[in-house]
Amino acid sequence: MDTLSLNDLGSIFAEALVEVISKTSSFSLRASMAEQDADFYGITGVMSLNSKKSGMIFISVEEADMKAVCSYMIGVKEDELTREDILDALCELVNMTAGNAKARIYDADYMFALSSPFIITGSGMSIISKKRSTVISKTLSGDGDISIKLKVVY
């Protein structure tokens, strides 16, 4: 069985997020070609990826962008959404993206069990990891100037 490269993993998670956003909100996103390791946006959904090579997925977005996505996801006008609605939708976005990526992964070392997603908020957040950890970063952008940062750490 072939093993996945880090580029393959980055593509799998990015394609999963693009597909989930497209199906749940009708926004069209595309991943940046170059891997980027930039700071997070204002709200970030996180999930642990429990496998032989344990990791974490982070989906980071500005609250205004997530509000637009959430409006489509749950069918409520933006001005009627609560902050709880927006954060809950981000957790669900993380859950669906991880589930979609899980279905695409064929390398036994990276097959993972889903955990419960959670949200972190604040400014100036960044990942500080052990020297041997790999951070795969992609920025996805598209319709309506929406921008979402995806990070996967193994």
C-alpha atoms as a PDB file:
ATOM      1  CA  MET A   1       0.000   0.000   0.000  1.00  0.00           C
ATOM      2  CA  ASP A   2       1.302   3.461  -0.910  1.00  0.00           C
ATOM      3  CA  THR A   3       2.060   5.928   1.832  1.00  0.00           C
ATOM      4  CA  LEU A   4       0.767   9.480   1.760  1.00  0.00           C
ATOM      5  CA  SER A   5       3.099  12.420   1.347  1.00  0.00           C
ATOM      6  CA  LEU A   6       2.530  15.586   3.348  1.00  0.00           C
ATOM      7  CA  ASN A   7       1.470  17.296   0.144  1.00  0.00           C
ATOM      8  CA  ASP A   8      -1.111  14.531  -0.405  1.00  0.00           C
ATOM      9  CA  LEU A   9      -2.460  15.028   3.124  1.00  0.00           C
ATOM     10  CA  GLY A  10      -2.696  18.774   2.642  1.00  0.00           C
ATOM     11  CA  SER A  11      -4.585  18.278  -0.601  1.00  0.00           C
ATOM     12  CA  ILE A  12      -6.950  15.724   0.941  1.00  0.00           C
ATOM     13  CA  PHE A  13      -7.942  18.043   3.790  1.00  0.00           C
ATOM     14  CA  ALA A  14      -8.177  21.104   1.513  1.00  0.00           C
ATOM     15  CA  GLU A  15     -10.350  19.241  -1.018  1.00  0.00           C
ATOM     16  CA  ALA A  16     -12.553  17.982   1.814  1.00  0.00           C
ATOM     17  CA  LEU A  17     -13.076  21.523   3.126  1.00  0.00           C
ATOM     18  CA  VAL A  18     -13.779  22.895  -0.366  1.00  0.00           C
ATOM     19  CA  GLU A  19     -16.377  20.157  -0.931  1.00  0.00           C
ATOM     20  CA  VAL A  20     -18.069  20.643   2.449  1.00  0.00           C
ATOM     21  CA  ILE A  21     -18.267  24.436   1.995  1.00  0.00           C
ATOM     22  CA  SER A  22     -19.652  24.012  -1.516  1.00  0.00           C
ATOM     23  CA  LYS A  23     -22.328  21.527  -0.470  1.00  0.00           C
ATOM     24  CA  THR A  24     -23.414  23.285   2.727  1.00  0.00           C
ATOM     25  CA  SER A  25     -23.254  26.927   1.704  1.00  0.00           C
ATOM     26  CA  SER A  26     -22.855  27.076  -2.095  1.00  0.00           C
ATOM     27  CA  PHE A  27     -19.692  29.191  -1.705  1.00  0.00           C
ATOM     28  CA  SER A  28     -16.938  28.247  -4.121  1.00  0.00           C
ATOM     29  CA  LEU A  29     -13.458  28.167  -2.574  1.00  0.00           C
ATOM     30  CA  ARG A  30     -10.050  27.299  -3.923  1.00  0.00           C
ATOM     31  CA  ALA A  31      -6.895  26.454  -2.006  1.00  0.00           C
ATOM     32  CA  SER A  32      -3.748  28.495  -2.381  1.00  0.00           C
ATOM     33  CA  MET A  33      -1.058  26.703  -4.345  1.00  0.00           C
ATOM     34  CA  ALA A  34       1.716  27.359  -1.845  1.00  0.00           C
ATOM     35  CA  GLU A  35       1.614  26.105   1.700  1.00  0.00           C
ATOM     36  CA  GLN A  36       1.447  28.982   4.134  1.00  0.00           C
ATOM     37  CA  ASP A  37       2.042  29.154   7.846  1.00  0.00           C
ATOM     38  CA  ALA A  38       0.235  32.324   8.895  1.00  0.00           C
ATOM     39  CA  ASP A  39      -1.500  33.268  12.119  1.00  0.00           C
ATOM     40  CA  PHE A  40      -5.079  32.255  12.786  1.00  0.00           C
ATOM     41  CA  TYR A  41      -8.190  34.339  12.187  1.00  0.00           C
ATOM     42  CA  GLY A  42     -10.583  35.345  14.989  1.00  0.00           C
ATOM     43  CA  ILE A  43     -12.332  31.995  15.548  1.00  0.00           C
ATOM     44  CA  THR A  44     -10.857  28.541  15.083  1.00  0.00           C
ATOM     45  CA  GLY A  45     -12.474  25.130  15.144  1.00  0.00           C
ATOM     46  CA  VAL A  46     -10.236  22.302  16.323  1.00  0.00           C
ATOM     47  CA  MET A  47     -10.414  18.504  16.311  1.00  0.00           C
ATOM     48  CA  SER A  48      -7.980  15.826  17.411  1.00  0.00           C
ATOM     49  CA  LEU A  49      -7.136  13.191  14.793  1.00  0.00           C
ATOM     50  CA  ASN A  50      -6.491   9.984  16.706  1.00  0.00           C
ATOM     51  CA  SER A  51      -4.423   7.510  14.686  1.00  0.00           C
ATOM     52  CA  LYS A  52      -0.986   5.877  14.583  1.00  0.00           C
ATOM     53  CA  LYS A  53       0.282   9.320  13.577  1.00  0.00           C
ATOM     54  CA  SER A  54      -1.938  11.472  15.767  1.00  0.00           C
ATOM     55  CA  GLY A  55      -2.647  14.980  14.664  1.00  0.00           C
ATOM     56  CA  MET A  56      -5.041  17.903  14.836  1.00  0.00           C
ATOM     57  CA  ILE A  57      -7.083  19.850  12.318  1.00  0.00           C
ATOM     58  CA  PHE A  58      -7.658  23.592  12.673  1.00  0.00           C
ATOM     59  CA  ILE A  59     -10.144  25.580  10.576  1.00  0.00           C
ATOM     60  CA  SER A  60      -9.798  29.297  11.191  1.00  0.00           C
ATOM     61  CA  VAL A  61     -12.075  32.029   9.878  1.00  0.00           C
ATOM     62  CA  GLU A  62     -13.078  35.607  10.657  1.00  0.00           C
ATOM     63  CA  GLU A  63     -16.420  35.743  12.437  1.00  0.00           C
ATOM     64  CA  ALA A  64     -18.034  37.814   9.645  1.00  0.00           C
ATOM     65  CA  ASP A  65     -17.025  35.200   7.047  1.00  0.00           C
ATOM     66  CA  MET A  66     -18.310  32.358   9.216  1.00  0.00           C
ATOM     67  CA  LYS A  67     -21.552  34.271   9.710  1.00  0.00           C
ATOM     68  CA  ALA A  68     -22.076  34.301   5.918  1.00  0.00           C
ATOM     69  CA  VAL A  69     -21.305  30.580   5.651  1.00  0.00           C
ATOM     70  CA  CYS A  70     -23.490  29.778   8.682  1.00  0.00           C
ATOM     71  CA  SER A  71     -26.420  31.678   7.203  1.00  0.00           C
ATOM     72  CA  TYR A  72     -26.426  29.355   4.205  1.00  0.00           C
ATOM     73  CA  MET A  73     -25.697  26.250   6.288  1.00  0.00           C
ATOM     74  CA  ILE A  74     -28.697  26.623   8.581  1.00  0.00           C
ATOM     75  CA  GLY A  75     -31.002  28.802   6.459  1.00  0.00           C
ATOM     76  CA  VAL A  76     -31.193  31.785   8.817  1.00  0.00           C
ATOM     77  CA  LYS A  77     -30.619  35.409   7.795  1.00  0.00           C
ATOM     78  CA  GLU A  78     -27.245  36.763   8.897  1.00  0.00           C
ATOM     79  CA  ASP A  79     -28.777  39.470  11.093  1.00  0.00           C
ATOM     80  CA  GLU A  80     -30.783  36.835  12.962  1.00  0.00           C
ATOM     81  CA  LEU A  81     -27.819  34.584  13.823  1.00  0.00           C
ATOM     82  CA  THR A  82     -26.478  34.406  17.355  1.00  0.00           C
ATOM     83  CA  ARG A  83     -22.786  34.020  18.122  1.00  0.00           C
ATOM     84  CA  GLU A  84     -23.641  30.531  19.429  1.00  0.00           C
ATOM     85  CA  ASP A  85     -25.120  29.669  15.996  1.00  0.00           C
ATOM     86  CA  ILE A  86     -21.909  30.785  14.292  1.00  0.00           C
ATOM     87  CA  LEU A  87     -19.614  28.865  16.636  1.00  0.00           C
ATOM     88  CA  ASP A  88     -21.784  25.750  16.445  1.00  0.00           C
ATOM     89  CA  ALA A  89     -21.690  25.922  12.633  1.00  0.00           C
ATOM     90  CA  LEU A  90     -17.884  26.131  12.725  1.00  0.00           C
ATOM     91  CA  CYS A  91     -17.744  23.032  14.938  1.00  0.00           C
ATOM     92  CA  GLU A  92     -19.971  21.254  12.439  1.00  0.00           C
ATOM     93  CA  LEU A  93     -17.775  22.448   9.569  1.00  0.00           C
ATOM     94  CA  VAL A  94     -14.724  20.941  11.287  1.00  0.00           C
ATOM     95  CA  ASN A  95     -16.625  17.701  11.930  1.00  0.00           C
ATOM     96  CA  MET A  96     -17.825  17.374   8.324  1.00  0.00           C
ATOM     97  CA  THR A  97     -14.417  18.279   6.880  1.00  0.00           C
ATOM     98  CA  ALA A  98     -12.620  15.731   9.054  1.00  0.00           C
ATOM     99  CA  GLY A  99     -15.214  13.088   8.175  1.00  0.00           C
ATOM    100  CA  ASN A 100     -14.863  13.835   4.470  1.00  0.00           C
ATOM    101  CA  ALA A 101     -11.048  13.698   4.693  1.00  0.00           C
ATOM    102  CA  LYS A 102     -11.219  10.451   6.688  1.00  0.00           C
ATOM    103  CA  ALA A 103     -13.129   8.818   3.828  1.00  0.00           C
ATOM    104  CA  ARG A 104     -10.333   9.818   1.389  1.00  0.00           C
ATOM    105  CA  ILE A 105      -7.342   8.592   3.417  1.00  0.00           C
ATOM    106  CA  TYR A 106      -6.001   5.186   2.397  1.00  0.00           C
ATOM    107  CA  ASP A 107      -2.724   5.132   4.362  1.00  0.00           C
ATOM    108  CA  ALA A 108      -3.210   3.095   7.574  1.00  0.00           C
ATOM    109  CA  ASP A 109      -0.787   5.330   9.458  1.00  0.00           C
ATOM    110  CA  TYR A 110      -3.076   8.338   8.918  1.00  0.00           C
ATOM    111  CA  MET A 111      -6.509   6.721   9.258  1.00  0.00           C
ATOM    112  CA  PHE A 112      -8.056   8.372  12.282  1.00  0.00           C
ATOM    113  CA  ALA A 113     -11.028   8.340  14.635  1.00  0.00           C
ATOM    114  CA  LEU A 114     -13.008  11.560  14.964  1.00  0.00           C
ATOM    115  CA  SER A 115     -13.080  13.378  18.282  1.00  0.00           C
ATOM    116  CA  SER A 116     -15.398  16.128  19.448  1.00  0.00           C
ATOM    117  CA  PRO A 117     -14.624  19.468  17.819  1.00  0.00           C
ATOM    118  CA  PHE A 118     -14.193  22.607  19.896  1.00  0.00           C
ATOM    119  CA  ILE A 119     -13.664  26.336  19.329  1.00  0.00           C
ATOM    120  CA  ILE A 120     -10.853  28.660  20.358  1.00  0.00           C
ATOM    121  CA  THR A 121     -11.103  32.423  19.962  1.00  0.00           C
ATOM    122  CA  GLY A 122      -8.800  35.370  20.362  1.00  0.00           C
ATOM    123  CA  SER A 123      -6.186  37.335  18.504  1.00  0.00           C
ATOM    124  CA  GLY A 124      -2.556  36.659  17.759  1.00  0.00           C
ATOM    125  CA  MET A 125      -2.936  32.867  18.023  1.00  0.00           C
ATOM    126  CA  SER A 126      -0.343  30.646  16.419  1.00  0.00           C
ATOM    127  CA  ILE A 127       0.805  27.028  16.599  1.00  0.00           C
ATOM    128  CA  ILE A 128       4.008  26.292  18.480  1.00  0.00           C
ATOM    129  CA  SER A 129       4.821  22.615  18.033  1.00  0.00           C
ATOM    130  CA  LYS A 130       7.650  20.219  18.684  1.00  0.00           C
ATOM    131  CA  LYS A 131      10.509  20.379  16.209  1.00  0.00           C
ATOM    132  CA  ARG A 132       9.513  17.127  14.544  1.00  0.00           C
ATOM    133  CA  SER A 133       5.853  18.081  14.134  1.00  0.00           C
ATOM    134  CA  THR A 134       4.714  18.908  10.646  1.00  0.00           C
ATOM    135  CA  VAL A 135       2.287  21.769  10.063  1.00  0.00           C
ATOM    136  CA  ILE A 136       0.404  21.666   6.774  1.00  0.00           C
ATOM    137  CA  SER A 137      -1.196  25.065   6.089  1.00  0.00           C
ATOM    138  CA  LYS A 138      -3.489  26.158   3.295  1.00  0.00           C
ATOM    139  CA  THR A 139      -5.480  29.325   2.791  1.00  0.00           C
ATOM    140  CA  LEU A 140      -8.751  28.896   0.927  1.00  0.00           C
ATOM    141  CA  SER A 141     -10.522  31.870  -0.593  1.00  0.00           C
ATOM    142  CA  GLY A 142     -13.322  32.551  -2.982  1.00  0.00           C
ATOM    143  CA  ASP A 143     -16.822  33.950  -3.347  1.00  0.00           C
ATOM    144  CA  GLY A 144     -17.606  37.097  -1.428  1.00  0.00           C
ATOM    145  CA  ASP A 145     -13.975  37.541  -0.370  1.00  0.00           C
ATOM    146  CA  ILE A 146     -14.373  34.721   2.148  1.00  0.00           C
ATOM    147  CA  SER A 147     -11.066  33.389   3.431  1.00  0.00           C
ATOM    148  CA  ILE A 148     -10.561  30.272   5.533  1.00  0.00           C
ATOM    149  CA  LYS A 149      -7.279  28.955   6.905  1.00  0.00           C
ATOM    150  CA  LEU A 150      -6.802  25.216   7.209  1.00  0.00           C
ATOM    151  CA  LYS A 151      -3.996  23.729   9.272  1.00  0.00           C
ATOM    152  CA  VAL A 152      -3.286  20.064   9.909  1.00  0.00           C
ATOM    153  CA  VAL A 153      -0.565  19.159  12.399  1.00  0.00           C
ATOM    154  CA  TYR A 154       1.055  15.711  12.626  1.00  0.00           C
END
